[in-house]
Amino acid sequence: MRIFKFGGASVKDANGVKNIVAVLQQVGHENTLVVISAMGKTTNAMEKVVTSYFEDKKTISSSLQEVIDYHESILADLFKNKNHLVYEKVKLLFEEVKGFLTWNKSPKYAFVYDQVVGYGELISTTIVSEYFKEVDMPNIWQDVRNLIKTDNTYRDASVNWERTQKEISNRIDVSQLNITQGFLGSDDNNFTTTLGREGSDYTAAILAYCLNADSVTIWKDVPGVLNADPRNFKETQLLNEISYREAIELAFYGASVIHPKTLQPLQRKEIPLHVKSFLNPKEDGTRVAKGKGISPEVPCFIVKKNQVLIKLSSLDFSFIMEDNISEIFKLFHHHRMKVDLIQNSAISFSVCLDNKFNGLQAMLNELKRKFKVVCHEDVSLYTIRHFNDKAVKSLQNGRSVLVEQRGRETVQLVVK
């Protein structure tokens, strides 16, 4: 059993869908489960629909129509027969979105977000599944919400592994080609939940773990895992082999190729992860498996942008002790602020945070009651694994370094 995951870039248009067919024809599709993300930038477009729902309901229709038009253009390129069943299936899915936005009474953004945004994956997999059938590639379309059961922490749900294992074992025929959605699950009330942005990789790992798969392959528009994101760094190098431990380190620090949650279930059963190019499927790409370090051993650069650096100090110059730090971290948890770096001294405490749930201002108001607070917004956190002096100097050049922290193998810089 193999798990293949194709992201949004691989299905951004009709040619992308056709290319997936070509990939599967080259590498085989027997005993395979394919996980597919929403098409192109659909998740962003569906987030715009949610924003319209909360901020200006008059714009819901136009926001949703943009998504409909985008998918209809892909349908028109793939299916020349306008009476094909896929048109009705996609129409019904969009009708479900409209219906939810009409009858929903919940004022909770995270709940509405999950019920709406998740349709991107349901629609993309419906289109791909039907196209596969058109080109004589029989498959079973699976609703992943029936497979992956979670709690009700909307937008960042935790997996109920026992129930998920049971559902996957009962519903997946491993002898067939199966197609399902990434990113999604469902709670005890069968409401849609999501596993966090870029959670489709995690979906693939969950399925692999529960099916005792031989491997997971993440198909990207890059040749594999690079030592830096080519969108942010000019010179990059392909990493041929990465150990689970090293990959987990890179993911923890924010390497964008592999989702942070993806590796733990794979490591537990020693299921190898391949990261390969859907443009050149015969190339080796990167293999993540049991082993030592990385090959070749070169500095790896990671950047997290739009971070917040907060420097706290006591109002009376007293020490910041364990009780203060405990209180501070409770606030981080309450306001859903992800901690990416910590540095402290006797009377000060600095922390770099990801404000992805927009809890910053409310948290700052609480912190200012007990601490002197200096806040730097829109900073970048750079991490270099296996650093050397040349690598560090390349990042320091022309930048204002607010915090620097060094370990034996890792250096981190917060820069403005």
Protein backbone atom coordinates (compact mmCIF):
# COMPACT_ATOMS: atom_id res chain seq x y z
CA MET A 1 0.00 0.00 0.00
CA ARG A 2 1.31 3.43 -0.99
CA ILE A 3 0.04 6.87 -0.06
CA PHE A 4 0.48 9.68 -2.60
CA LYS A 5 -0.24 13.27 -1.70
CA PHE A 6 -0.71 15.98 -4.33
CA GLY A 7 -0.92 19.60 -3.18
CA GLY A 8 -2.82 22.55 -4.57
CA ALA A 9 -0.09 23.52 -7.05
CA SER A 10 -0.39 20.13 -8.74
CA VAL A 11 -4.11 20.60 -9.46
CA LYS A 12 -4.24 24.34 -10.07
CA ASP A 13 -5.64 23.86 -13.58
CA ALA A 14 -6.78 21.20 -16.04
CA ASN A 15 -3.23 20.51 -17.21
CA GLY A 16 -2.26 19.82 -13.60
CA VAL A 17 -5.02 17.22 -13.26
CA LYS A 18 -3.92 15.61 -16.53
CA ASN A 19 -0.33 15.58 -15.26
CA ILE A 20 -1.36 13.59 -12.17
CA VAL A 21 -2.70 10.95 -14.54
CA ALA A 22 0.65 10.96 -16.35
CA VAL A 23 2.52 10.60 -13.04
CA LEU A 24 0.40 7.65 -11.96
CA GLN A 25 0.81 6.03 -15.36
CA GLN A 26 4.59 6.29 -14.98
CA VAL A 27 4.95 5.13 -11.38
CA GLY A 28 1.89 2.87 -11.17
CA HIS A 29 -1.34 3.26 -9.22
CA GLU A 30 -2.11 -0.22 -7.93
CA ASN A 31 -2.77 -0.48 -4.18
CA THR A 32 -2.53 3.30 -3.92
CA LEU A 33 -4.41 5.91 -1.95
CA VAL A 34 -4.19 9.44 -3.36
CA VAL A 35 -4.66 12.44 -1.06
CA ILE A 36 -5.45 15.70 -2.87
CA SER A 37 -5.58 19.29 -1.63
CA ALA A 38 -7.87 22.09 -2.78
CA MET A 39 -7.09 23.39 -6.26
CA GLY A 40 -4.58 26.22 -6.58
CA LYS A 41 -5.39 29.07 -4.20
CA THR A 42 -8.92 27.84 -3.43
CA THR A 43 -8.31 27.75 0.33
CA ASN A 44 -7.46 31.46 0.27
CA ALA A 45 -10.54 32.15 -1.84
CA MET A 46 -12.78 30.22 0.56
CA GLU A 47 -11.27 32.15 3.47
CA LYS A 48 -12.43 35.28 1.66
CA VAL A 49 -15.96 33.84 1.64
CA VAL A 50 -15.76 33.34 5.41
CA THR A 51 -14.53 36.93 5.83
CA SER A 52 -17.51 38.14 3.78
CA TYR A 53 -19.85 36.14 6.00
CA PHE A 54 -18.62 37.87 9.15
CA GLU A 55 -17.81 41.34 7.85
CA ASP A 56 -20.08 42.09 4.90
CA LYS A 57 -22.74 39.53 4.02
CA LYS A 58 -23.63 41.42 0.84
CA THR A 59 -20.31 40.31 -0.66
CA ILE A 60 -20.76 36.58 0.08
CA SER A 61 -22.31 35.88 -3.31
CA SER A 62 -19.54 37.58 -5.29
CA SER A 63 -16.80 35.99 -3.17
CA LEU A 64 -18.26 32.53 -3.68
CA GLN A 65 -18.90 33.14 -7.37
CA GLU A 66 -15.16 33.65 -7.90
CA VAL A 67 -14.55 30.14 -6.57
CA ILE A 68 -17.38 28.69 -8.69
CA ASP A 69 -16.08 30.35 -11.87
CA TYR A 70 -12.55 29.07 -11.23
CA HIS A 71 -13.69 25.47 -10.88
CA GLU A 72 -16.11 25.69 -13.79
CA SER A 73 -13.25 26.76 -16.07
CA ILE A 74 -11.29 23.67 -15.02
CA LEU A 75 -14.35 21.48 -15.54
CA ALA A 76 -14.85 22.89 -19.03
CA ASP A 77 -11.25 22.04 -19.95
CA LEU A 78 -11.49 18.50 -18.61
CA PHE A 79 -15.03 17.44 -19.55
CA LYS A 80 -16.29 18.44 -22.97
CA ASN A 81 -19.65 16.76 -22.35
CA LYS A 82 -21.62 19.41 -20.45
CA ASN A 83 -24.06 16.73 -19.31
CA HIS A 84 -21.34 14.82 -17.48
CA LEU A 85 -22.35 13.82 -13.95
CA VAL A 86 -19.41 15.75 -12.47
CA TYR A 87 -21.09 19.10 -13.22
CA GLU A 88 -24.07 18.19 -11.06
CA LYS A 89 -21.86 16.80 -8.28
CA VAL A 90 -19.82 20.00 -8.09
CA LYS A 91 -22.97 22.14 -8.25
CA LEU A 92 -24.46 20.24 -5.30
CA LEU A 93 -21.31 20.81 -3.24
CA PHE A 94 -21.49 24.56 -3.85
CA GLU A 95 -25.19 24.45 -2.95
CA GLU A 96 -24.22 22.87 0.37
CA VAL A 97 -21.88 25.80 1.06
CA LYS A 98 -24.64 28.29 0.28
CA GLY A 99 -27.05 26.34 2.45
CA PHE A 100 -24.71 26.34 5.43
CA LEU A 101 -24.09 30.08 5.17
CA THR A 102 -27.87 30.60 5.14
CA TRP A 103 -28.91 28.43 8.09
CA ASN A 104 -25.83 28.65 10.31
CA LYS A 105 -26.44 30.29 13.70
CA SER A 106 -22.99 29.87 15.23
CA PRO A 107 -21.05 33.12 15.75
CA LYS A 108 -17.75 31.25 16.14
CA TYR A 109 -15.30 32.05 13.38
CA ALA A 110 -13.27 28.84 13.69
CA PHE A 111 -16.39 26.66 13.40
CA VAL A 112 -17.69 28.51 10.34
CA TYR A 113 -14.21 28.46 8.82
CA ASP A 114 -14.00 24.67 8.93
CA GLN A 115 -17.51 24.11 7.57
CA VAL A 116 -16.86 26.39 4.59
CA VAL A 117 -13.17 26.16 3.70
CA GLY A 118 -13.16 22.36 3.66
CA TYR A 119 -15.31 22.31 0.52
CA GLY A 120 -12.22 23.19 -1.50
CA GLU A 121 -10.90 19.67 -0.96
CA LEU A 122 -14.27 17.99 -1.47
CA ILE A 123 -14.69 19.72 -4.82
CA SER A 124 -11.13 19.12 -6.06
CA THR A 125 -11.23 15.40 -5.29
CA THR A 126 -14.65 15.05 -6.91
CA ILE A 127 -13.29 16.57 -10.12
CA VAL A 128 -10.11 14.48 -10.08
CA SER A 129 -11.94 11.25 -9.29
CA GLU A 130 -14.38 11.75 -12.16
CA TYR A 131 -11.57 12.65 -14.57
CA PHE A 132 -9.66 9.51 -13.62
CA LYS A 133 -12.73 7.48 -14.56
CA GLU A 134 -12.88 9.31 -17.89
CA VAL A 135 -9.36 8.11 -18.74
CA ASP A 136 -10.05 4.51 -17.69
CA MET A 137 -8.50 4.77 -14.26
CA PRO A 138 -11.21 3.31 -11.96
CA ASN A 139 -11.12 4.59 -8.40
CA ILE A 140 -13.08 4.87 -5.18
CA TRP A 141 -13.83 8.40 -3.92
CA GLN A 142 -13.62 8.50 -0.13
CA ASP A 143 -14.95 11.25 2.12
CA VAL A 144 -12.05 11.65 4.54
CA ARG A 145 -14.45 13.03 7.15
CA ASN A 146 -15.68 9.46 7.54
CA LEU A 147 -12.12 8.25 8.02
CA ILE A 148 -10.34 10.74 10.28
CA LYS A 149 -12.16 11.45 13.52
CA THR A 150 -11.06 14.34 15.71
CA ASP A 151 -11.99 16.49 18.65
CA ASN A 152 -13.84 19.77 18.06
CA THR A 153 -10.88 22.14 18.18
CA TYR A 154 -11.83 23.77 14.92
CA ARG A 155 -9.00 24.92 12.63
CA ASP A 156 -6.45 22.84 14.58
CA ALA A 157 -8.14 19.57 15.49
CA SER A 158 -6.47 16.65 17.30
CA VAL A 159 -6.89 13.15 15.93
CA ASN A 160 -8.81 10.47 17.84
CA TRP A 161 -6.45 7.68 16.81
CA GLU A 162 -8.54 4.77 18.08
CA ARG A 163 -11.68 5.77 16.19
CA THR A 164 -9.68 6.80 13.13
CA GLN A 165 -7.92 3.44 12.99
CA LYS A 166 -11.26 1.65 13.17
CA GLU A 167 -12.91 3.74 10.43
CA ILE A 168 -9.96 3.51 8.06
CA SER A 169 -9.66 -0.25 8.53
CA ASN A 170 -13.37 -0.74 7.84
CA ARG A 171 -13.76 1.62 4.88
CA ILE A 172 -10.58 1.39 2.76
CA ASP A 173 -10.19 -1.41 0.23
CA VAL A 174 -6.41 -1.42 -0.14
CA SER A 175 -6.55 -3.40 -3.38
CA GLN A 176 -8.20 -0.46 -5.18
CA LEU A 177 -7.11 3.03 -6.20
CA ASN A 178 -8.67 5.35 -3.61
CA ILE A 179 -8.93 9.14 -3.76
CA THR A 180 -9.58 11.30 -0.72
CA GLN A 181 -9.12 14.78 0.69
CA GLY A 182 -6.28 16.21 2.72
CA PHE A 183 -6.67 18.70 5.58
CA LEU A 184 -10.09 17.50 6.82
CA GLY A 185 -11.66 15.35 9.52
CA SER A 186 -14.86 15.38 11.53
CA ASP A 187 -15.84 15.56 15.18
CA ASP A 188 -18.29 13.46 17.22
CA ASN A 189 -21.22 15.46 15.81
CA ASN A 190 -19.96 14.92 12.24
CA PHE A 191 -19.13 18.59 11.78
CA THR A 192 -16.12 19.17 9.56
CA THR A 193 -12.82 19.90 11.28
CA THR A 194 -9.46 20.89 9.80
CA LEU A 195 -5.99 19.81 10.82
CA GLY A 196 -4.27 23.18 10.38
CA ARG A 197 -3.00 24.88 7.24
CA GLU A 198 -0.88 22.58 5.08
CA GLY A 199 -2.48 19.67 6.95
CA SER A 200 -2.79 17.49 3.84
CA ASP A 201 0.70 16.06 4.46
CA TYR A 202 -0.47 15.10 7.94
CA THR A 203 -3.54 13.44 6.42
CA ALA A 204 -1.27 11.27 4.29
CA ALA A 205 0.76 10.28 7.36
CA ILE A 206 -2.37 9.41 9.38
CA LEU A 207 -3.65 7.19 6.58
CA ALA A 208 -0.23 5.56 6.14
CA TYR A 209 0.02 4.80 9.84
CA CYS A 210 -3.44 3.26 10.05
CA LEU A 211 -2.97 1.24 6.85
CA ASN A 212 0.60 0.13 7.62
CA ALA A 213 1.60 1.59 4.27
CA ASP A 214 4.93 0.82 2.62
CA SER A 215 5.64 4.48 1.91
CA VAL A 216 4.28 8.01 1.61
CA THR A 217 5.16 10.23 -1.34
CA ILE A 218 4.53 13.96 -1.30
CA TRP A 219 4.50 15.26 -4.87
CA LYS A 220 5.72 18.86 -5.15
CA ASP A 221 6.74 21.38 -7.81
CA VAL A 222 10.32 21.21 -6.48
CA PRO A 223 12.78 18.30 -6.96
CA GLY A 224 12.60 17.31 -3.27
CA VAL A 225 13.54 18.80 0.08
CA LEU A 226 15.94 21.67 -0.51
CA ASN A 227 18.27 23.21 2.05
CA ALA A 228 16.32 26.48 1.69
CA ASP A 229 13.06 27.72 0.20
CA PRO A 230 13.88 28.99 -3.31
CA ARG A 231 11.23 31.68 -2.89
CA ASN A 232 13.35 33.28 -0.15
CA PHE A 233 16.93 32.18 -0.90
CA LYS A 234 18.79 32.39 -4.21
CA GLU A 235 21.08 29.38 -3.98
CA THR A 236 19.53 26.07 -2.95
CA GLN A 237 20.71 22.47 -2.85
CA LEU A 238 18.76 19.20 -2.92
CA LEU A 239 18.96 17.02 0.18
CA ASN A 240 19.09 13.39 -0.92
CA GLU A 241 18.57 11.71 2.46
CA ILE A 242 17.22 13.03 5.76
CA SER A 243 16.74 11.12 8.99
CA TYR A 244 13.38 11.30 10.76
CA ARG A 245 15.01 13.20 13.62
CA GLU A 246 16.59 15.77 11.34
CA ALA A 247 13.37 16.18 9.35
CA ILE A 248 11.42 16.71 12.57
CA GLU A 249 13.95 19.37 13.60
CA LEU A 250 13.60 21.13 10.23
CA ALA A 251 9.81 20.94 10.39
CA PHE A 252 9.76 22.23 13.96
CA TYR A 253 11.74 25.29 12.92
CA GLY A 254 9.36 25.90 10.03
CA ALA A 255 10.67 24.17 6.92
CA SER A 256 7.72 24.48 4.56
CA VAL A 257 8.17 21.29 2.53
CA ILE A 258 7.14 18.95 5.36
CA HIS A 259 4.29 19.63 7.80
CA PRO A 260 5.44 19.52 11.45
CA LYS A 261 2.87 16.88 12.46
CA THR A 262 3.54 14.62 9.49
CA LEU A 263 6.68 12.87 10.65
CA GLN A 264 5.75 11.49 14.09
CA PRO A 265 3.30 8.80 12.93
CA LEU A 266 5.65 7.79 10.11
CA GLN A 267 8.60 7.48 12.47
CA ARG A 268 6.64 5.31 14.90
CA LYS A 269 6.20 2.64 12.21
CA GLU A 270 9.36 3.50 10.24
CA ILE A 271 7.39 4.28 7.10
CA PRO A 272 9.69 6.11 4.64
CA LEU A 273 8.60 9.47 3.27
CA HIS A 274 9.57 10.49 -0.25
CA VAL A 275 9.38 14.07 -1.49
CA LYS A 276 9.42 14.09 -5.28
CA SER A 277 8.67 16.33 -8.24
CA PHE A 278 5.41 15.83 -10.10
CA LEU A 279 7.17 17.42 -13.08
CA ASN A 280 9.92 14.77 -13.09
CA PRO A 281 8.41 11.75 -11.35
CA LYS A 282 11.23 9.36 -12.24
CA GLU A 283 13.85 11.40 -10.36
CA ASP A 284 14.81 10.17 -6.90
CA GLY A 285 13.87 13.28 -4.93
CA THR A 286 14.43 13.17 -1.17
CA ARG A 287 14.00 10.16 1.10
CA VAL A 288 13.17 10.66 4.78
CA ALA A 289 13.75 7.52 6.81
CA LYS A 290 15.62 6.00 9.73
CA GLY A 291 19.26 7.06 9.65
CA LYS A 292 21.72 9.75 10.64
CA GLY A 293 21.53 13.45 9.83
CA ILE A 294 21.32 14.72 6.28
CA SER A 295 23.13 14.03 3.05
CA PRO A 296 24.84 16.12 1.87
CA GLU A 297 25.55 17.91 5.14
CA VAL A 298 25.13 21.57 4.25
CA PRO A 299 23.63 24.53 6.15
CA CYS A 300 19.82 24.52 5.99
CA PHE A 301 18.05 27.89 6.01
CA ILE A 302 14.50 28.44 7.27
CA VAL A 303 12.62 31.71 7.57
CA LYS A 304 9.34 32.53 9.30
CA LYS A 305 8.02 35.93 8.32
CA ASN A 306 5.38 38.14 9.96
CA GLN A 307 6.43 37.12 13.46
CA VAL A 308 6.06 39.11 16.68
CA LEU A 309 8.95 39.68 19.12
CA ILE A 310 7.88 40.55 22.66
CA LYS A 311 10.34 41.61 25.34
CA LEU A 312 8.99 41.51 28.89
CA SER A 313 10.63 42.90 32.01
CA SER A 314 9.36 43.26 35.54
CA LEU A 315 8.03 46.66 36.54
CA ASP A 316 10.01 46.68 39.81
CA PHE A 317 13.22 45.09 38.45
CA SER A 318 12.50 41.89 40.35
CA PHE A 319 13.50 38.54 38.88
CA ILE A 320 11.27 36.84 36.34
CA MET A 321 10.89 33.47 38.03
CA GLU A 322 9.01 30.25 37.34
CA ASP A 323 5.68 31.57 38.57
CA ASN A 324 5.91 34.56 36.20
CA ILE A 325 6.89 32.37 33.28
CA SER A 326 4.05 29.94 34.03
CA GLU A 327 1.56 32.81 33.97
CA ILE A 328 3.01 34.14 30.71
CA PHE A 329 2.73 30.76 29.00
CA LYS A 330 -0.86 30.37 30.15
CA LEU A 331 -1.61 33.62 28.32
CA PHE A 332 0.15 32.34 25.19
CA HIS A 333 -1.98 29.20 25.32
CA HIS A 334 -5.20 31.09 25.99
CA HIS A 335 -4.66 33.43 23.04
CA ARG A 336 -3.37 30.60 20.80
CA MET A 337 0.05 32.16 20.23
CA LYS A 338 2.65 29.72 18.93
CA VAL A 339 6.06 30.13 20.56
CA ASP A 340 8.98 29.89 18.12
CA LEU A 341 11.91 31.19 20.22
CA ILE A 342 12.57 31.96 23.89
CA GLN A 343 15.41 33.89 25.50
CA ASN A 344 15.49 35.03 29.12
CA SER A 345 17.72 36.71 31.67
CA ALA A 346 17.21 37.48 35.37
CA ILE A 347 14.87 40.43 34.81
CA SER A 348 13.73 40.06 31.21
CA PHE A 349 12.08 37.52 28.97
CA SER A 350 12.02 37.64 25.16
CA VAL A 351 9.84 35.48 22.98
CA CYS A 352 9.18 35.27 19.24
CA LEU A 353 5.57 34.35 18.47
CA ASP A 354 3.35 33.42 15.55
CA ASN A 355 0.12 35.43 15.77
CA LYS A 356 -1.81 33.32 13.26
CA PHE A 357 -5.04 33.44 15.30
CA ASN A 358 -4.87 37.24 15.81
CA GLY A 359 -4.80 37.09 19.60
CA LEU A 360 -1.91 39.53 19.97
CA GLN A 361 -3.64 42.74 21.04
CA ALA A 362 -5.83 41.12 23.69
CA MET A 363 -2.79 39.29 25.07
CA LEU A 364 -0.67 42.46 25.16
CA ASN A 365 -3.37 44.24 27.17
CA GLU A 366 -3.16 41.53 29.82
CA LEU A 367 0.64 41.42 29.86
CA LYS A 368 0.93 45.19 30.36
CA ARG A 369 -0.87 44.92 33.68
CA LYS A 370 2.12 43.14 35.23
CA PHE A 371 5.11 43.70 32.96
CA LYS A 372 6.91 46.34 30.97
CA VAL A 373 6.27 45.25 27.38
CA VAL A 374 8.20 46.08 24.22
CA CYS A 375 6.61 44.64 21.10
CA HIS A 376 8.15 44.39 17.61
CA GLU A 377 5.69 43.31 14.96
CA ASP A 378 6.46 42.09 11.44
CA VAL A 379 9.85 40.64 12.27
CA SER A 380 11.42 37.58 10.63
CA LEU A 381 12.84 34.56 12.40
CA TYR A 382 15.73 32.93 10.57
CA THR A 383 16.99 29.50 11.57
CA ILE A 384 20.15 27.83 10.25
CA ARG A 385 20.67 24.14 10.95
CA HIS A 386 24.29 22.92 10.64
CA PHE A 387 25.43 26.52 10.47
CA ASN A 388 28.87 27.88 9.72
CA ASP A 389 30.28 31.41 9.93
CA LYS A 390 29.66 32.09 6.24
CA ALA A 391 26.01 31.09 6.55
CA VAL A 392 25.46 33.31 9.60
CA LYS A 393 27.16 36.30 8.01
CA SER A 394 25.00 35.95 4.91
CA LEU A 395 21.92 36.56 7.06
CA GLN A 396 23.39 39.30 9.24
CA ASN A 397 24.46 41.37 6.24
CA GLY A 398 22.39 44.57 6.12
CA ARG A 399 19.82 43.40 8.66
CA SER A 400 19.05 44.66 12.16
CA VAL A 401 19.42 41.66 14.50
CA LEU A 402 17.11 41.97 17.51
CA VAL A 403 17.82 38.55 19.07
CA GLU A 404 20.50 35.95 18.38
CA GLN A 405 20.54 32.48 19.90
CA ARG A 406 23.08 29.73 19.24
CA GLY A 407 23.20 26.04 20.00
CA ARG A 408 25.63 23.31 18.92
CA GLU A 409 23.94 22.76 15.55
CA THR A 410 21.42 25.59 15.25
CA VAL A 411 21.53 29.36 15.22
CA GLN A 412 18.41 31.57 15.25
CA LEU A 413 18.19 35.25 14.43
CA VAL A 414 15.22 37.56 14.89
CA VAL A 415 15.68 40.40 12.42
CA LYS A 416 13.80 43.52 11.47
